[in-house]
Amino acid sequence: MKKHFNWTNLRLLLVLGLVVFLFAFSTKRNEQRKLTKSIVEFVGEDQLFVTHETVNKLLIENKKDASAIRKVALDLNSLEFAINQHDMVEKSQVYVSIDGILKAVVKQKTPIARVFNANESYYIDYEGTKMPLSDIHTARVPLISGMNSQDELPQLIGLLRHIYDSEFLKRNIIGIQISPTGQLMMKNRNFDYVIDFGKSLAFEDKFKNYEAFFYKAIQDSSIYQYKKIDLKYSQQVVCTK
């Protein structure tokens, strides 16, 4: 009995082989192509603490421009790692678009306070890590004095985030003095009184009381009479003329 040759299977094998060949050929050709350009895009904060040029230099690995780089030579993970190591960067994403553009989307660190001590000055970012000052922009954040060790930061980071997240507190609190016993004295932007905050415990209740006091004192103009606002106790506000 004669066996019939299966032309259908042969055609399928030929088509499959052609597809594999074309895919391998196009992939190889695509890898050998050079990039057209590089783009750095910042997201989040409006003000930049690091320049596009600085990030772009990391992105193209110190080459003159992106057109000197072949796609096959790219290691996107390494590029992301290099950018993320920058002191001003919180995280980044690096990818290549279909038209050969090397792009980095960068989120900067968010400074929420600035520390002054005898040896140095630096920012504290929203994640509670140390952030250097920028040469191109100064953040408008509360100034902290009296903090001589990073070990004090865990006790303060919640309070500092609360100030940053509140439009009222962000506008009003401009300075925090830390005593050796951990007591906090704060300064208001527009008035001469000091705020005796006590320790950072129950800070949400204390700030809530302060905001209520502030708006009432503004309404009756009594706010100009006070030299000290005592918030040490979370259930009351004591004012001294």
Protein backbone atom coordinates (compact mmCIF):
# COMPACT_ATOMS: atom_id res chain seq x y z
CA MET A 1 0.00 0.00 0.00
CA LYS A 2 1.46 3.36 -1.05
CA LYS A 3 1.93 6.10 1.49
CA HIS A 4 0.88 9.58 0.40
CA PHE A 5 3.33 12.38 1.11
CA ASN A 6 1.78 15.01 3.40
CA TRP A 7 2.34 18.27 1.53
CA THR A 8 0.34 20.21 4.14
CA ASN A 9 2.79 19.36 6.87
CA LEU A 10 5.71 20.29 4.64
CA ARG A 11 4.20 23.67 3.86
CA LEU A 12 3.65 24.31 7.56
CA LEU A 13 7.27 23.43 8.34
CA LEU A 14 8.51 25.73 5.57
CA VAL A 15 6.33 28.61 6.78
CA LEU A 16 7.43 28.06 10.38
CA GLY A 17 11.08 27.99 9.32
CA LEU A 18 10.63 31.21 7.34
CA VAL A 19 8.99 32.94 10.31
CA VAL A 20 11.82 31.89 12.65
CA PHE A 21 14.42 33.07 10.13
CA LEU A 22 12.74 36.47 9.63
CA PHE A 23 12.32 36.95 13.38
CA ALA A 24 15.98 36.14 14.07
CA PHE A 25 17.10 38.35 11.19
CA SER A 26 14.99 41.34 12.30
CA THR A 27 16.04 40.91 15.93
CA LYS A 28 19.71 40.84 15.00
CA ARG A 29 19.31 43.83 12.72
CA ASN A 30 17.39 45.74 15.38
CA GLU A 31 20.09 45.06 17.97
CA GLN A 32 22.74 46.49 15.67
CA ARG A 33 20.81 49.71 15.13
CA LYS A 34 21.99 52.82 16.93
CA LEU A 35 19.74 54.91 19.12
CA THR A 36 18.32 58.13 17.72
CA LYS A 37 18.49 60.23 20.90
CA SER A 38 18.00 60.19 24.66
CA ILE A 39 15.33 61.94 26.72
CA VAL A 40 15.12 62.56 30.48
CA GLU A 41 11.66 63.20 31.94
CA PHE A 42 11.08 64.22 35.55
CA VAL A 43 7.80 63.41 37.28
CA GLY A 44 6.35 64.74 40.52
CA GLU A 45 8.03 67.86 41.85
CA ASP A 46 7.95 71.02 39.72
CA GLN A 47 11.34 72.23 40.96
CA LEU A 48 14.43 70.29 39.95
CA PHE A 49 17.25 69.48 42.36
CA VAL A 50 19.28 67.70 39.67
CA THR A 51 19.71 68.76 36.04
CA HIS A 52 18.60 66.95 32.90
CA GLU A 53 22.24 67.01 31.79
CA THR A 54 23.43 65.17 34.90
CA VAL A 55 20.92 62.34 34.47
CA ASN A 56 21.48 62.20 30.72
CA LYS A 57 25.21 61.75 31.27
CA LEU A 58 24.45 58.70 33.41
CA LEU A 59 21.94 57.49 30.85
CA ILE A 60 24.33 57.48 27.89
CA GLU A 61 27.25 56.33 30.06
CA ASN A 62 29.41 59.41 29.52
CA LYS A 63 29.28 59.17 25.72
CA LYS A 64 28.87 62.32 23.67
CA ASP A 65 25.34 61.49 22.60
CA ALA A 66 22.92 58.57 22.32
CA SER A 67 23.50 58.09 18.59
CA ALA A 68 26.88 56.56 19.41
CA ILE A 69 25.22 53.66 21.27
CA ARG A 70 24.01 50.42 19.65
CA LYS A 71 20.91 48.81 21.13
CA VAL A 72 22.78 45.54 21.65
CA ALA A 73 25.20 47.32 23.99
CA LEU A 74 22.46 48.52 26.32
CA ASP A 75 21.91 47.13 29.79
CA LEU A 76 18.77 48.91 30.95
CA ASN A 77 18.94 47.48 34.47
CA SER A 78 22.47 48.81 34.93
CA LEU A 79 21.41 52.23 33.66
CA GLU A 80 18.50 52.34 36.09
CA PHE A 81 20.80 51.28 38.92
CA ALA A 82 23.31 54.03 38.07
CA ILE A 83 20.62 56.71 38.02
CA ASN A 84 19.01 55.45 41.23
CA GLN A 85 22.39 55.73 42.99
CA HIS A 86 22.31 59.51 42.52
CA ASP A 87 21.72 61.28 45.83
CA MET A 88 18.82 63.34 44.42
CA VAL A 89 16.92 60.45 42.78
CA GLU A 90 14.29 58.30 44.48
CA LYS A 91 13.65 55.94 41.56
CA SER A 92 13.80 55.78 37.78
CA GLN A 93 12.60 53.73 34.83
CA VAL A 94 14.69 53.36 31.68
CA TYR A 95 13.45 51.95 28.38
CA VAL A 96 13.91 52.19 24.61
CA SER A 97 10.95 53.18 22.43
CA ILE A 98 10.11 51.55 19.09
CA ASP A 99 11.64 54.49 17.21
CA GLY A 100 14.98 54.12 19.00
CA ILE A 101 14.67 56.77 21.72
CA LEU A 102 16.41 55.98 25.00
CA LYS A 103 14.20 57.43 27.74
CA ALA A 104 14.58 57.80 31.50
CA VAL A 105 11.57 58.68 33.64
CA VAL A 106 12.91 60.01 36.94
CA LYS A 107 11.27 60.72 40.29
CA GLN A 108 13.35 62.94 42.52
CA LYS A 109 13.59 62.64 46.26
CA THR A 110 11.18 64.94 48.12
CA PRO A 111 12.86 67.13 50.75
CA ILE A 112 10.64 67.84 53.77
CA ALA A 113 13.11 69.50 56.16
CA ARG A 114 16.60 70.99 56.21
CA VAL A 115 19.02 70.24 59.03
CA PHE A 116 21.62 72.73 60.28
CA ASN A 117 24.26 71.60 62.72
CA ALA A 118 27.83 72.55 63.58
CA ASN A 119 29.37 70.37 60.86
CA GLU A 120 27.00 70.33 57.89
CA SER A 121 23.67 71.16 56.35
CA TYR A 122 21.47 68.73 54.43
CA TYR A 123 17.87 67.84 53.62
CA ILE A 124 15.75 65.04 55.04
CA ASP A 125 13.58 63.49 52.34
CA TYR A 126 10.07 62.06 52.65
CA GLU A 127 11.43 58.53 53.12
CA GLY A 128 13.51 59.66 56.08
CA THR A 129 16.90 59.49 54.38
CA LYS A 130 19.64 62.08 54.12
CA MET A 131 19.63 64.19 50.95
CA PRO A 132 22.37 66.68 49.99
CA LEU A 133 21.66 70.31 49.17
CA SER A 134 21.19 71.19 45.52
CA ASP A 135 23.22 73.70 43.53
CA ILE A 136 20.25 74.67 41.36
CA HIS A 137 17.29 74.95 43.76
CA THR A 138 16.62 75.54 47.45
CA ALA A 139 13.59 73.80 48.94
CA ARG A 140 11.23 75.86 51.08
CA VAL A 141 11.06 73.52 54.06
CA PRO A 142 11.34 73.90 57.86
CA LEU A 143 14.86 74.45 59.19
CA ILE A 144 15.88 72.08 61.98
CA SER A 145 18.58 72.96 64.50
CA GLY A 146 19.83 70.98 67.45
CA MET A 147 19.70 67.59 65.71
CA ASN A 148 23.23 66.29 66.02
CA SER A 149 22.63 62.64 65.17
CA GLN A 150 20.65 60.69 62.58
CA ASP A 151 19.49 58.51 65.50
CA GLU A 152 17.06 61.30 66.43
CA LEU A 153 15.31 61.15 63.05
CA PRO A 154 12.93 58.18 63.67
CA GLN A 155 11.27 60.21 66.43
CA LEU A 156 10.70 63.14 64.07
CA ILE A 157 9.96 61.73 60.63
CA GLY A 158 6.22 61.27 61.24
CA LEU A 159 5.91 64.86 62.47
CA LEU A 160 7.90 66.22 59.52
CA ARG A 161 5.76 64.29 57.02
CA HIS A 162 2.64 65.65 58.71
CA ILE A 163 3.90 69.22 58.29
CA TYR A 164 4.75 68.59 54.64
CA ASP A 165 1.35 67.04 53.87
CA SER A 166 -0.60 69.89 55.49
CA GLU A 167 -0.98 73.07 53.45
CA PHE A 168 -1.62 75.05 56.65
CA LEU A 169 1.47 73.78 58.48
CA LYS A 170 3.65 73.96 55.38
CA ARG A 171 2.82 77.66 55.06
CA ASN A 172 3.32 78.44 58.74
CA ILE A 173 6.02 76.29 60.36
CA ILE A 174 9.46 77.47 59.26
CA GLY A 175 11.77 76.34 62.04
CA ILE A 176 12.17 73.60 64.66
CA GLN A 177 14.69 73.78 67.50
CA ILE A 178 15.44 70.48 69.27
CA SER A 179 16.64 70.63 72.88
CA PRO A 180 19.00 68.02 74.36
CA THR A 181 15.98 66.45 76.11
CA GLY A 182 14.00 66.16 72.87
CA GLN A 183 11.69 69.13 73.49
CA LEU A 184 10.67 71.01 70.33
CA MET A 185 10.36 74.78 69.88
CA MET A 186 8.84 75.96 66.60
CA LYS A 187 8.68 79.26 64.74
CA ASN A 188 5.83 80.65 62.67
CA ARG A 189 6.51 82.30 59.33
CA ASN A 190 4.53 85.51 59.87
CA PHE A 191 4.34 86.03 63.64
CA ASP A 192 6.94 86.55 66.37
CA TYR A 193 5.67 84.08 68.95
CA VAL A 194 7.39 80.75 69.59
CA ILE A 195 5.54 77.44 69.81
CA ASP A 196 6.48 75.29 72.78
CA PHE A 197 5.54 71.92 71.28
CA GLY A 198 6.99 69.63 73.90
CA LYS A 199 8.05 66.23 72.60
CA SER A 200 6.83 64.82 69.30
CA LEU A 201 4.28 62.54 70.98
CA ALA A 202 0.60 63.07 69.94
CA PHE A 203 1.75 65.53 67.27
CA GLU A 204 -1.45 65.16 65.21
CA ASP A 205 -3.66 66.29 68.12
CA LYS A 206 -1.29 69.12 68.99
CA PHE A 207 -1.24 70.45 65.43
CA LYS A 208 -5.03 70.15 65.19
CA ASN A 209 -5.37 72.26 68.34
CA TYR A 210 -2.85 74.76 67.04
CA GLU A 211 -4.67 75.22 63.74
CA ALA A 212 -8.00 75.78 65.52
CA PHE A 213 -6.34 78.31 67.86
CA PHE A 214 -4.61 80.07 64.96
CA TYR A 215 -7.73 80.77 62.93
CA LYS A 216 -9.67 81.93 66.00
CA ALA A 217 -6.83 84.24 67.05
CA ILE A 218 -6.61 85.64 63.52
CA GLN A 219 -10.34 86.41 63.55
CA ASP A 220 -10.28 88.37 66.79
CA SER A 221 -6.78 89.82 66.14
CA SER A 222 -5.52 88.49 69.47
CA ILE A 223 -2.70 86.61 67.74
CA TYR A 224 -0.52 89.75 67.75
CA GLN A 225 -0.52 89.83 71.56
CA TYR A 226 1.15 86.49 72.22
CA LYS A 227 4.82 85.72 72.79
CA LYS A 228 4.51 81.98 73.34
CA ILE A 229 1.99 79.28 72.37
CA ASP A 230 2.23 76.22 74.60
CA LEU A 231 1.16 72.93 72.97
CA LYS A 232 2.93 70.55 75.34
CA TYR A 233 -0.36 69.03 76.41
CA SER A 234 -2.45 67.56 73.59
CA GLN A 235 -5.79 68.59 75.18
CA GLN A 236 -5.16 72.34 75.47
CA VAL A 237 -3.45 75.42 74.09
CA VAL A 238 -1.91 77.84 76.62
CA CYS A 239 -0.96 81.31 75.39
CA THR A 240 1.47 83.72 77.06
CA LYS A 241 1.40 87.46 76.32
